[in-house]
Amino acid sequence: MPEFDVFQWANNVDEIKNNVSVELFLFNKNYTPYKVRYSDVLMQAIRSLFMLEAVEYVIKEADKGLECREYELSDGEDKVIYRIALDKVGRAETLIHLIENEYKDIAYFTDDEYEFKRIKGIIAKFSYPGDDGQKSFYIAKNIASSAALKGKLSWELNGESFEPLTADLAIKVPEGNETAIVDGQIVIFNQSKFEKLFQFDYKQQLISEQKAKELEETYKLSFPEGLTLNALLEDKKPLVKKLQNVEIGEMTQEQLLDYADEMQLELMTDDQGKIIIMDDKDLNMFVNLLGEDYFVSPVNGRRYEIKSKKLLDEPEGEPPRG
């Protein structure tokens, strides 16, 4: 497959900009999308705020040295936009999958039922006929709960007179380019807003993926169908940080299982001797065992989980152990 060319995309869209259909969706902090109806009067405003802003920026700045680089190489440079494969950004991929594949089950948004304060962003889907069938792309933006005005608490200024706001809810759509999703690629116009919108921390993800790889190369693990270690570690910053301080491989699988038995912990294995990780609880237990974060008090015989450990100096007169 040829590398995605954002400049060609912008030029192509510019040619058909008046022949696109638009659907709007709000999505919440769990990345559940909601359909949104809109007045025909708003069509041009939607095209302008979402599609034309992005397209015109790319075309205009292309002659001024604008570059498109891989997000993994991002360094906050001026005159640079970034791209990253959609399947590397789990929340964005989930959102697009739901819109594309679960469309009939997506509810229409009403504030009474779903509450605007839970909304994370707004995304516009633009569709148009292509040479090989219907084509589409998306433009997404952050939207803050503070951008909403409740009808009962707001007035509108009509000429020289204040009047009650006639709508139940009014929102201010943010200006500026943020994120486009085209042909399985995410185009990032504003890095910080993209990371905020999809809660994406690339450096954290790299560390998480590396630790997951080390664990699976060292220990025999078993997961339910459809679940992976990478998925379980996603957004678990404290757990990933703890893994960074653990010497993976210092404890063998047999030693780890003996330790779990000693602590009377329900760490299960399957018929092949693989450690079963069913959920977050099992994963936390597994990582805590690797970090030797359980102990039995010699005073009262009770079992404890150590929340933090500080290595003490060796007692005077005793050689270092190990």
Protein backbone atom coordinates (compact mmCIF):
# COMPACT_ATOMS: atom_id res chain seq x y z
CA MET A 1 0.00 0.00 0.00
CA PRO A 2 1.45 3.44 -0.94
CA GLU A 3 2.28 5.83 1.88
CA PHE A 4 -0.56 8.18 2.78
CA ASP A 5 -0.08 11.63 1.22
CA VAL A 6 -1.88 14.34 3.19
CA PHE A 7 -1.22 16.95 0.48
CA GLN A 8 -2.85 14.83 -2.21
CA TRP A 9 -5.76 14.16 0.13
CA ALA A 10 -6.26 17.89 0.74
CA ASN A 11 -6.21 18.67 -2.98
CA ASN A 12 -8.66 15.86 -3.72
CA VAL A 13 -11.08 17.02 -1.02
CA ASP A 14 -10.80 20.62 -2.20
CA GLU A 15 -12.11 19.50 -5.60
CA ILE A 16 -15.22 17.80 -4.19
CA LYS A 17 -15.78 20.00 -1.11
CA ASN A 18 -19.27 21.08 -2.22
CA ASN A 19 -20.43 17.52 -2.89
CA VAL A 20 -19.82 15.88 0.48
CA SER A 21 -22.46 14.68 2.88
CA VAL A 22 -21.86 15.15 6.59
CA GLU A 23 -22.85 13.27 9.71
CA LEU A 24 -22.10 14.57 13.18
CA PHE A 25 -21.39 12.50 16.28
CA LEU A 26 -20.66 13.40 19.87
CA PHE A 27 -18.66 10.89 21.91
CA ASN A 28 -18.21 10.53 25.63
CA LYS A 29 -15.24 9.79 27.85
CA ASN A 30 -15.72 6.06 27.23
CA TYR A 31 -15.58 6.77 23.46
CA THR A 32 -19.20 5.80 22.96
CA PRO A 33 -20.55 7.76 19.96
CA TYR A 34 -23.96 9.42 19.72
CA LYS A 35 -25.67 10.55 16.54
CA VAL A 36 -26.53 14.24 16.27
CA ARG A 37 -29.15 15.72 13.99
CA TYR A 38 -28.54 19.20 12.63
CA SER A 39 -30.35 21.84 10.62
CA ASP A 40 -29.60 22.14 6.90
CA VAL A 41 -28.78 25.77 7.60
CA LEU A 42 -25.68 24.59 9.47
CA MET A 43 -24.27 22.51 6.59
CA GLN A 44 -21.90 25.19 5.32
CA ALA A 45 -20.79 26.10 8.84
CA ILE A 46 -19.98 22.44 9.58
CA ARG A 47 -18.03 22.09 6.35
CA SER A 48 -16.11 25.26 7.15
CA LEU A 49 -15.34 24.56 10.82
CA PHE A 50 -14.32 20.95 10.31
CA MET A 51 -13.34 20.15 6.73
CA LEU A 52 -12.31 23.44 5.07
CA GLU A 53 -10.17 24.62 7.98
CA ALA A 54 -8.02 21.52 7.70
CA VAL A 55 -7.93 21.28 3.91
CA GLU A 56 -7.18 24.97 3.33
CA TYR A 57 -4.44 24.93 5.95
CA VAL A 58 -2.64 22.02 4.26
CA ILE A 59 -2.94 23.56 0.77
CA LYS A 60 -1.91 27.03 1.90
CA GLU A 61 1.02 25.95 4.03
CA ALA A 62 2.35 23.38 1.54
CA ASP A 63 4.02 26.19 -0.41
CA LYS A 64 5.58 27.50 2.81
CA GLY A 65 7.43 24.32 3.68
CA LEU A 66 4.80 22.41 5.65
CA GLU A 67 5.91 18.80 6.28
CA CYS A 68 4.06 15.66 7.35
CA ARG A 69 6.14 13.29 9.50
CA GLU A 70 5.59 10.14 11.50
CA TYR A 71 4.17 10.88 14.95
CA GLU A 72 6.83 8.66 16.49
CA LEU A 73 9.37 11.29 15.38
CA SER A 74 7.41 14.22 16.80
CA ASP A 75 9.42 16.93 18.51
CA GLY A 76 7.06 19.90 18.60
CA GLU A 77 8.48 21.52 15.47
CA ASP A 78 6.81 24.40 13.66
CA LYS A 79 5.42 23.85 10.16
CA VAL A 80 5.02 20.11 10.79
CA ILE A 81 1.93 17.94 11.01
CA TYR A 82 2.13 14.30 12.01
CA ARG A 83 0.57 11.00 10.99
CA ILE A 84 0.13 7.72 12.81
CA ALA A 85 -1.68 4.52 11.88
CA LEU A 86 -5.20 4.39 13.29
CA ASP A 87 -4.66 0.90 14.70
CA LYS A 88 -1.91 2.25 16.98
CA VAL A 89 -4.36 4.52 18.80
CA GLY A 90 -6.81 2.20 20.51
CA ARG A 91 -9.50 4.71 21.48
CA ALA A 92 -9.61 6.32 18.06
CA GLU A 93 -9.77 2.90 16.39
CA THR A 94 -12.62 1.86 18.70
CA LEU A 95 -14.57 5.05 17.98
CA ILE A 96 -14.28 4.66 14.20
CA HIS A 97 -15.11 0.95 14.42
CA LEU A 98 -18.34 1.71 16.29
CA ILE A 99 -19.38 4.38 13.78
CA GLU A 100 -18.55 2.20 10.79
CA ASN A 101 -19.78 -1.17 12.06
CA GLU A 102 -22.33 -0.53 14.81
CA TYR A 103 -24.08 2.45 13.23
CA LYS A 104 -27.62 1.12 13.61
CA ASP A 105 -27.12 0.70 17.35
CA ILE A 106 -25.83 4.25 17.94
CA ALA A 107 -28.38 6.34 19.85
CA TYR A 108 -29.22 9.97 19.17
CA PHE A 109 -27.86 12.31 21.80
CA THR A 110 -30.16 14.11 24.21
CA ASP A 111 -28.88 15.96 27.24
CA ASP A 112 -31.67 14.65 29.44
CA GLU A 113 -30.62 11.05 28.83
CA TYR A 114 -26.84 11.22 28.36
CA GLU A 115 -25.68 14.55 29.90
CA PHE A 116 -23.43 16.83 27.92
CA LYS A 117 -20.97 17.13 30.82
CA ARG A 118 -19.85 13.56 30.02
CA ILE A 119 -19.02 14.41 26.41
CA LYS A 120 -15.36 14.26 25.38
CA GLY A 121 -15.39 15.32 21.74
CA ILE A 122 -17.24 15.89 18.49
CA ILE A 123 -16.45 14.15 15.20
CA ALA A 124 -17.75 14.85 11.71
CA LYS A 125 -17.90 12.11 9.09
CA PHE A 126 -17.61 13.40 5.52
CA SER A 127 -18.67 11.06 2.70
CA TYR A 128 -18.45 11.38 -1.07
CA PRO A 129 -18.51 9.08 -4.13
CA GLY A 130 -15.08 7.87 -5.24
CA ASP A 131 -13.83 5.90 -8.23
CA ASP A 132 -14.11 2.64 -6.29
CA GLY A 133 -17.23 3.37 -4.28
CA GLN A 134 -18.22 5.61 -1.37
CA LYS A 135 -15.28 7.18 0.44
CA SER A 136 -15.17 8.92 3.80
CA PHE A 137 -12.92 10.73 6.24
CA TYR A 138 -13.34 12.17 9.72
CA ILE A 139 -12.45 15.41 11.49
CA ALA A 140 -12.47 15.28 15.31
CA LYS A 141 -12.22 17.99 17.95
CA ASN A 142 -12.12 18.22 21.73
CA ILE A 143 -15.18 19.76 23.27
CA ALA A 144 -15.29 20.91 26.88
CA SER A 145 -18.35 20.80 29.12
CA SER A 146 -17.76 24.53 29.70
CA ALA A 147 -18.56 25.07 26.00
CA ALA A 148 -22.21 24.32 26.74
CA LEU A 149 -24.92 26.76 27.78
CA LYS A 150 -28.05 25.44 29.45
CA GLY A 151 -31.21 27.04 28.09
CA LYS A 152 -32.75 27.62 31.53
CA LEU A 153 -29.64 29.43 32.78
CA SER A 154 -28.69 31.44 29.66
CA TRP A 155 -29.90 34.49 27.79
CA GLU A 156 -29.41 35.43 24.17
CA LEU A 157 -28.86 39.00 23.00
CA ASN A 158 -31.28 39.79 20.16
CA GLY A 159 -30.51 43.28 18.87
CA GLU A 160 -30.65 45.48 21.95
CA SER A 161 -32.67 43.07 24.03
CA PHE A 162 -31.86 40.07 26.20
CA GLU A 163 -34.24 37.17 25.70
CA PRO A 164 -34.39 33.63 27.09
CA LEU A 165 -32.22 31.14 25.17
CA THR A 166 -34.74 29.23 23.11
CA ALA A 167 -32.78 25.96 22.95
CA ASP A 168 -32.38 23.43 25.76
CA LEU A 169 -28.64 23.50 25.21
CA ALA A 170 -26.22 25.56 23.14
CA ILE A 171 -22.59 24.65 22.44
CA LYS A 172 -19.62 26.51 21.05
CA VAL A 173 -17.70 24.46 18.52
CA PRO A 174 -13.93 25.03 18.92
CA GLU A 175 -12.02 26.67 16.11
CA GLY A 176 -8.64 25.46 14.87
CA ASN A 177 -7.38 22.24 13.35
CA GLU A 178 -6.93 19.25 15.63
CA THR A 179 -7.26 15.73 14.21
CA ALA A 180 -8.27 14.13 10.91
CA ILE A 181 -8.75 10.40 10.28
CA VAL A 182 -8.29 9.33 6.66
CA ASP A 183 -7.74 5.92 5.05
CA GLY A 184 -6.59 4.22 8.25
CA GLN A 185 -4.28 7.11 9.17
CA ILE A 186 -4.61 9.80 11.81
CA VAL A 187 -3.40 13.23 10.71
CA ILE A 188 -2.37 15.32 13.72
CA PHE A 189 -2.54 19.09 13.31
CA ASN A 190 -2.31 19.86 17.03
CA GLN A 191 -0.27 17.31 19.01
CA SER A 192 -1.39 18.28 22.52
CA LYS A 193 -5.08 18.37 21.55
CA PHE A 194 -4.81 15.01 19.78
CA GLU A 195 -3.17 13.45 22.86
CA LYS A 196 -5.84 14.95 25.11
CA LEU A 197 -8.71 13.87 22.84
CA PHE A 198 -7.65 10.22 22.71
CA GLN A 199 -5.67 10.11 25.99
CA PHE A 200 -2.68 8.94 24.02
CA ASP A 201 0.80 8.95 25.54
CA TYR A 202 3.20 7.53 22.97
CA LYS A 203 6.23 7.24 25.25
CA GLN A 204 4.16 5.49 27.89
CA GLN A 205 2.81 3.12 25.25
CA LEU A 206 6.32 2.27 24.05
CA ILE A 207 7.39 1.41 27.59
CA SER A 208 4.21 -0.62 28.10
CA GLU A 209 4.72 -2.58 24.87
CA GLN A 210 8.37 -3.30 25.72
CA LYS A 211 7.49 -4.55 29.20
CA ALA A 212 4.69 -6.71 27.81
CA LYS A 213 7.12 -8.25 25.34
CA GLU A 214 9.67 -9.00 28.09
CA LEU A 215 7.03 -10.58 30.32
CA GLU A 216 5.67 -12.82 27.58
CA GLU A 217 9.17 -13.90 26.56
CA THR A 218 10.04 -14.81 30.17
CA TYR A 219 6.82 -16.23 31.60
CA LYS A 220 4.15 -18.56 30.24
CA LEU A 221 0.90 -16.59 30.43
CA SER A 222 -2.66 -17.36 29.38
CA PHE A 223 -5.38 -14.79 28.58
CA PRO A 224 -9.08 -15.09 27.70
CA GLU A 225 -9.83 -14.98 23.99
CA GLY A 226 -9.63 -11.44 22.65
CA LEU A 227 -7.61 -10.10 25.60
CA THR A 228 -3.90 -9.30 25.45
CA LEU A 229 -1.27 -8.19 27.91
CA ASN A 230 -0.86 -4.95 25.95
CA ALA A 231 -4.56 -4.23 26.30
CA LEU A 232 -4.48 -4.88 30.04
CA LEU A 233 -1.49 -2.59 30.53
CA GLU A 234 -3.07 0.25 28.56
CA ASP A 235 -3.60 3.31 30.80
CA LYS A 236 -2.12 1.51 33.81
CA LYS A 237 0.63 4.09 34.41
CA PRO A 238 1.28 3.09 38.05
CA LEU A 239 1.51 -0.57 37.04
CA VAL A 240 3.83 0.12 34.10
CA LYS A 241 5.97 2.31 36.36
CA LYS A 242 6.18 -0.55 38.85
CA LEU A 243 7.24 -2.91 36.06
CA GLN A 244 10.05 -0.52 35.16
CA ASN A 245 11.50 -1.12 38.62
CA VAL A 246 11.15 -4.91 38.49
CA GLU A 247 13.96 -7.14 37.28
CA ILE A 248 11.99 -9.34 34.89
CA GLY A 249 13.42 -12.85 34.94
CA GLU A 250 15.06 -12.55 38.36
CA MET A 251 12.28 -14.82 39.65
CA THR A 252 11.49 -17.98 37.65
CA GLN A 253 7.94 -19.06 36.91
CA GLU A 254 8.21 -21.88 39.45
CA GLN A 255 9.52 -19.53 42.13
CA LEU A 256 6.73 -17.05 41.41
CA LEU A 257 4.07 -19.76 41.74
CA ASP A 258 5.64 -21.04 44.99
CA TYR A 259 5.65 -17.46 46.30
CA ALA A 260 1.94 -17.10 45.40
CA ASP A 261 1.17 -20.36 47.26
CA GLU A 262 3.15 -19.19 50.26
CA MET A 263 1.11 -15.96 50.34
CA GLN A 264 -2.12 -17.98 49.82
CA LEU A 265 -2.95 -15.99 46.69
CA GLU A 266 -5.28 -17.36 44.03
CA LEU A 267 -2.93 -17.24 41.09
CA MET A 268 -4.25 -19.95 38.80
CA THR A 269 -2.55 -22.00 36.09
CA ASP A 270 -4.00 -23.91 33.14
CA ASP A 271 -3.33 -27.51 32.07
CA GLN A 272 -0.12 -26.42 30.33
CA GLY A 273 1.22 -24.68 33.42
CA LYS A 274 0.57 -21.19 32.06
CA ILE A 275 -0.36 -18.48 34.56
CA ILE A 276 -3.95 -17.42 33.92
CA ILE A 277 -4.49 -13.64 33.71
CA MET A 278 -8.23 -13.04 33.46
CA ASP A 279 -8.44 -9.35 34.35
CA ASP A 280 -6.82 -6.31 35.99
CA LYS A 281 -6.96 -7.96 39.41
CA ASP A 282 -4.93 -10.96 38.23
CA LEU A 283 -2.43 -8.72 36.45
CA ASN A 284 -1.89 -6.58 39.54
CA MET A 285 -1.31 -9.71 41.61
CA PHE A 286 1.16 -11.06 39.06
CA VAL A 287 3.15 -7.79 38.96
CA ASN A 288 3.12 -7.52 42.75
CA LEU A 289 4.51 -11.04 42.99
CA LEU A 290 7.28 -10.13 40.54
CA GLY A 291 8.11 -7.17 42.75
CA GLU A 292 7.98 -9.30 45.91
CA ASP A 293 5.37 -6.97 47.30
CA TYR A 294 3.75 -9.46 49.67
CA PHE A 295 5.06 -10.62 53.02
CA VAL A 296 3.96 -12.41 56.19
CA SER A 297 4.58 -10.57 59.43
CA PRO A 298 6.80 -12.58 61.79
CA VAL A 299 5.04 -10.79 64.66
CA ASN A 300 1.36 -11.52 64.03
CA GLY A 301 1.47 -13.94 61.06
CA ARG A 302 -0.73 -11.68 58.95
CA ARG A 303 -0.18 -11.22 55.21
CA TYR A 304 0.46 -7.73 53.86
CA GLU A 305 0.80 -6.05 50.48
CA ILE A 306 3.63 -3.55 50.43
CA LYS A 307 2.64 -0.30 48.72
CA SER A 308 6.15 1.08 48.49
CA LYS A 309 9.58 -0.24 49.35
CA LYS A 310 12.77 1.50 50.33
CA LEU A 311 16.02 -0.46 50.29
CA LEU A 312 17.81 -0.15 53.64
CA ASP A 313 21.55 -0.02 54.15
CA GLU A 314 23.23 -3.25 55.21
CA PRO A 315 23.68 -3.55 59.00
CA GLU A 316 27.11 -2.55 60.26
CA GLY A 317 29.60 -5.38 60.32
CA GLU A 318 27.73 -7.54 57.78
CA PRO A 319 28.96 -7.95 54.22
CA PRO A 320 26.48 -7.10 51.43
CA ARG A 321 24.31 -10.01 50.39
CA GLY A 322 23.94 -11.35 46.88
